[in-house]
Amino acid sequence: MRNISKKEIIKMDRFRRANLLTSLSGIKAAMLVATISKKNISNVAIFSSLIHLGSNPGLIGLLIRPQTKRASDTYQNIKFNNTFTINHVNKYIIKKAHYTSAKTHSNTSEFDDVGLHEEYIDGFKSPFVKESHIGLGLNYSDEILLSNKCTLIIGEIDNIKLNDDLFTENGLIDYSESCSVSVDGISNYYELNLIEKHDYIGSRKIPKKI
């Protein structure tokens, strides 16, 4: 067992420090956030900083890096259209999804750059990722500026793209069949497998032996 002090963390090479601190929060869902600009140019970028904020209404939080030096295309497009989509990365598109993190010109579409395809559903302004098996269409609801200058974008779910065979009777998604992946830090990807299944606890008493 090792204890790493704050002083040691500060002295680390910045890339090693970033890798350590981003992976400490555990394995997170890998998602592609897709938007479209006022010039009608689509944008897609990989994110893992997503938070479930509520079910009635359905709210999702998207954490965006500080916008002080330059506003990102994702942020600008969300504020212009008031819509965005969140699309699960699956094991068949990991490499393409990963390369959406590359810095590209605002006049080009990352969809074209990495070989992914746009999909527009029921007139929703922002594109879905066609290759993704699960996608959420969200309307911009609010934003919160955090102490570290990052912005928490809050989106309300407008529509859901979901393969029929992934939707279970109780409403849960079968991630063992979805091929969705998670990411540790910024570069290591993991498959999802069901280990155990338990009933909802609610007001039931905790048994003497668990």
Protein backbone atom coordinates (compact mmCIF):
# COMPACT_ATOMS: atom_id res chain seq x y z
CA MET A 1 0.00 0.00 0.00
CA ARG A 2 1.28 3.47 -0.87
CA ASN A 3 0.26 6.93 0.29
CA ILE A 4 0.75 9.72 -2.25
CA SER A 5 0.84 13.17 -0.67
CA LYS A 6 -0.46 16.39 -2.20
CA LYS A 7 3.15 17.58 -2.52
CA GLU A 8 4.06 14.49 -4.55
CA ILE A 9 1.01 14.99 -6.78
CA ILE A 10 1.96 18.62 -7.48
CA LYS A 11 5.54 17.62 -8.40
CA MET A 12 4.43 14.96 -10.90
CA ASP A 13 4.84 15.41 -14.64
CA ARG A 14 1.59 17.08 -15.76
CA PHE A 15 0.57 14.21 -18.04
CA ARG A 16 1.22 11.59 -15.35
CA ARG A 17 -0.67 13.73 -12.83
CA ALA A 18 -3.61 14.19 -15.22
CA ASN A 19 -3.75 10.44 -15.90
CA LEU A 20 -3.74 9.66 -12.18
CA LEU A 21 -6.36 12.20 -11.16
CA THR A 22 -8.75 11.48 -14.03
CA SER A 23 -8.64 7.75 -13.33
CA LEU A 24 -9.13 8.06 -9.55
CA SER A 25 -12.88 8.59 -9.93
CA GLY A 26 -13.12 5.13 -11.44
CA ILE A 27 -14.23 3.69 -14.75
CA LYS A 28 -16.76 5.99 -16.40
CA ALA A 29 -19.12 5.63 -19.34
CA ALA A 30 -17.56 6.67 -22.65
CA MET A 31 -19.92 8.94 -24.59
CA LEU A 32 -19.93 10.92 -27.82
CA VAL A 33 -21.53 14.35 -27.58
CA ALA A 34 -22.82 15.55 -30.95
CA THR A 35 -23.93 19.06 -31.91
CA ILE A 36 -24.33 21.25 -34.97
CA SER A 37 -23.10 24.80 -35.54
CA LYS A 38 -24.84 27.90 -36.85
CA LYS A 39 -23.00 27.20 -40.15
CA ASN A 40 -24.69 23.77 -40.21
CA ILE A 41 -21.40 21.96 -39.53
CA SER A 42 -21.74 18.92 -37.27
CA ASN A 43 -19.42 18.28 -34.34
CA VAL A 44 -18.79 15.17 -32.29
CA ALA A 45 -16.44 14.77 -29.31
CA ILE A 46 -15.77 12.11 -26.70
CA PHE A 47 -16.67 12.79 -23.05
CA SER A 48 -16.68 10.75 -19.85
CA SER A 49 -17.74 13.43 -17.36
CA LEU A 50 -21.48 12.77 -17.33
CA ILE A 51 -23.82 12.82 -14.34
CA HIS A 52 -27.38 11.57 -13.86
CA LEU A 53 -29.18 14.48 -12.18
CA GLY A 54 -32.81 13.36 -12.07
CA SER A 55 -35.55 11.18 -13.52
CA ASN A 56 -38.60 13.46 -13.41
CA PRO A 57 -37.78 15.32 -15.55
CA GLY A 58 -34.89 13.36 -16.99
CA LEU A 59 -31.79 15.51 -16.46
CA ILE A 60 -28.19 14.78 -17.44
CA GLY A 61 -25.16 16.85 -16.44
CA LEU A 62 -22.27 17.30 -18.89
CA LEU A 63 -19.02 18.70 -17.51
CA ILE A 64 -17.12 20.92 -19.96
CA ARG A 65 -13.55 22.20 -19.52
CA PRO A 66 -12.89 25.89 -18.77
CA GLN A 67 -14.00 28.13 -21.63
CA THR A 68 -11.72 31.04 -20.70
CA LYS A 69 -9.12 30.89 -23.50
CA ARG A 70 -11.41 29.66 -26.28
CA ALA A 71 -14.99 28.45 -26.26
CA SER A 72 -15.13 24.89 -27.56
CA ASP A 73 -17.25 23.99 -30.57
CA THR A 74 -19.37 21.72 -28.36
CA TYR A 75 -20.16 24.54 -25.94
CA GLN A 76 -20.81 27.14 -28.64
CA ASN A 77 -23.10 24.80 -30.56
CA ILE A 78 -25.10 23.82 -27.47
CA LYS A 79 -25.66 27.48 -26.60
CA PHE A 80 -26.62 28.36 -30.20
CA ASN A 81 -29.08 25.50 -30.83
CA ASN A 82 -30.06 24.69 -27.24
CA THR A 83 -29.77 21.00 -28.13
CA PHE A 84 -27.17 18.22 -28.10
CA THR A 85 -27.06 14.44 -28.18
CA ILE A 86 -25.19 11.96 -26.00
CA ASN A 87 -24.30 8.67 -27.70
CA HIS A 88 -22.81 5.57 -26.09
CA VAL A 89 -19.46 4.45 -27.45
CA ASN A 90 -19.50 0.74 -28.25
CA LYS A 91 -16.62 -1.65 -28.81
CA TYR A 92 -16.92 -1.41 -32.60
CA ILE A 93 -16.19 2.32 -32.75
CA ILE A 94 -13.67 2.84 -29.93
CA LYS A 95 -10.80 4.00 -32.14
CA LYS A 96 -12.98 6.39 -34.16
CA ALA A 97 -14.54 7.75 -30.97
CA HIS A 98 -11.13 8.20 -29.35
CA TYR A 99 -9.86 10.29 -32.27
CA THR A 100 -12.69 12.79 -31.90
CA SER A 101 -10.58 14.27 -29.08
CA ALA A 102 -8.07 15.54 -31.65
CA LYS A 103 -7.96 19.30 -32.25
CA THR A 104 -9.60 20.04 -35.60
CA HIS A 105 -10.74 23.15 -37.47
CA SER A 106 -14.24 24.43 -36.71
CA ASN A 107 -15.04 24.43 -40.42
CA THR A 108 -14.70 20.66 -40.66
CA SER A 109 -16.87 17.91 -39.16
CA GLU A 110 -15.33 15.34 -36.84
CA PHE A 111 -17.91 12.90 -38.20
CA ASP A 112 -16.12 13.09 -41.57
CA ASP A 113 -12.65 13.22 -40.03
CA VAL A 114 -13.00 9.93 -38.11
CA GLY A 115 -15.50 8.09 -40.33
CA LEU A 116 -18.63 8.23 -38.17
CA HIS A 117 -22.07 9.06 -39.57
CA GLU A 118 -24.73 11.57 -38.57
CA GLU A 119 -28.32 10.45 -37.97
CA TYR A 120 -31.19 12.93 -37.58
CA ILE A 121 -34.27 11.64 -35.75
CA ASP A 122 -37.80 13.14 -35.73
CA GLY A 123 -36.64 16.64 -36.62
CA PHE A 124 -34.33 16.96 -33.60
CA LYS A 125 -31.79 19.69 -34.42
CA SER A 126 -28.60 17.96 -33.27
CA PRO A 127 -27.35 14.76 -34.92
CA PHE A 128 -27.13 11.35 -33.30
CA VAL A 129 -24.21 9.01 -34.00
CA LYS A 130 -25.60 6.37 -36.36
CA GLU A 131 -23.13 3.70 -35.21
CA SER A 132 -24.15 4.09 -31.56
CA HIS A 133 -26.77 1.67 -30.17
CA ILE A 134 -27.96 4.09 -27.46
CA GLY A 135 -28.44 7.84 -27.85
CA LEU A 136 -30.12 10.66 -25.94
CA GLY A 137 -31.47 13.86 -27.46
CA LEU A 138 -31.27 16.68 -24.92
CA ASN A 139 -32.51 20.24 -24.69
CA TYR A 140 -30.29 22.77 -22.93
CA SER A 141 -31.79 23.56 -19.53
CA ASP A 142 -29.18 25.38 -17.46
CA GLU A 143 -25.48 25.70 -16.71
CA ILE A 144 -23.42 26.11 -13.56
CA LEU A 145 -19.92 27.61 -13.44
CA LEU A 146 -17.79 25.64 -10.98
CA SER A 147 -14.94 26.91 -8.80
CA ASN A 148 -12.33 25.43 -11.16
CA LYS A 149 -13.89 27.34 -14.10
CA CYS A 150 -15.36 24.17 -15.61
CA THR A 151 -19.01 24.41 -16.67
CA LEU A 152 -21.71 21.91 -15.80
CA ILE A 153 -24.21 21.89 -18.66
CA ILE A 154 -27.63 20.54 -17.65
CA GLY A 155 -29.72 18.95 -20.38
CA GLU A 156 -33.28 17.65 -20.25
CA ILE A 157 -33.96 14.44 -22.15
CA ASP A 158 -36.22 15.04 -25.15
CA ASN A 159 -35.99 11.66 -26.92
CA ILE A 160 -34.14 8.36 -26.71
CA LYS A 161 -32.64 6.20 -29.46
CA LEU A 162 -32.46 2.61 -28.21
CA ASN A 163 -32.19 -0.80 -29.86
CA ASP A 164 -35.30 -2.85 -28.98
CA ASP A 165 -33.31 -5.84 -27.69
CA LEU A 166 -31.57 -3.69 -25.06
CA PHE A 167 -34.76 -2.47 -23.33
CA THR A 168 -35.82 -4.79 -20.48
CA GLU A 169 -39.31 -5.12 -18.95
CA ASN A 170 -38.40 -3.21 -15.79
CA GLY A 171 -36.93 -0.30 -17.78
CA LEU A 172 -33.26 -1.10 -17.22
CA ILE A 173 -30.89 -1.30 -20.17
CA ASP A 174 -29.08 -4.60 -20.69
CA TYR A 175 -25.50 -3.38 -20.92
CA SER A 176 -24.14 -6.90 -21.30
CA GLU A 177 -25.77 -6.90 -24.75
CA SER A 178 -25.26 -3.23 -25.66
CA CYS A 179 -21.52 -3.49 -26.37
CA SER A 180 -21.18 -0.10 -24.67
CA VAL A 181 -17.75 0.59 -23.19
CA SER A 182 -16.29 2.59 -20.32
CA VAL A 183 -13.06 4.54 -20.07
CA ASP A 184 -10.49 4.87 -17.30
CA GLY A 185 -8.84 8.28 -17.44
CA ILE A 186 -8.47 9.31 -21.06
CA SER A 187 -7.20 6.31 -22.98
CA ASN A 188 -8.03 2.87 -21.52
CA TYR A 189 -11.35 1.32 -22.55
CA TYR A 190 -13.27 -1.51 -20.84
CA GLU A 191 -16.20 -3.76 -21.73
CA LEU A 192 -19.26 -4.02 -19.46
CA ASN A 193 -20.38 -7.35 -18.01
CA LEU A 194 -23.15 -8.11 -15.51
CA ILE A 195 -21.69 -9.62 -12.33
CA GLU A 196 -24.69 -9.79 -9.99
CA LYS A 197 -28.36 -8.86 -10.11
CA HIS A 198 -30.37 -7.73 -7.07
CA ASP A 199 -33.92 -6.54 -6.39
CA TYR A 200 -34.73 -2.96 -5.40
CA ILE A 201 -34.35 -2.61 -1.61
CA GLY A 202 -36.62 0.33 -0.80
CA SER A 203 -37.99 0.08 2.76
CA ARG A 204 -37.05 -3.57 3.28
CA LYS A 205 -34.91 -4.40 6.32
CA ILE A 206 -31.27 -5.27 5.98
CA PRO A 207 -30.86 -9.03 6.66
CA LYS A 208 -28.66 -10.19 9.54
CA LYS A 209 -26.30 -11.87 7.12
CA ILE A 210 -25.44 -10.36 3.72
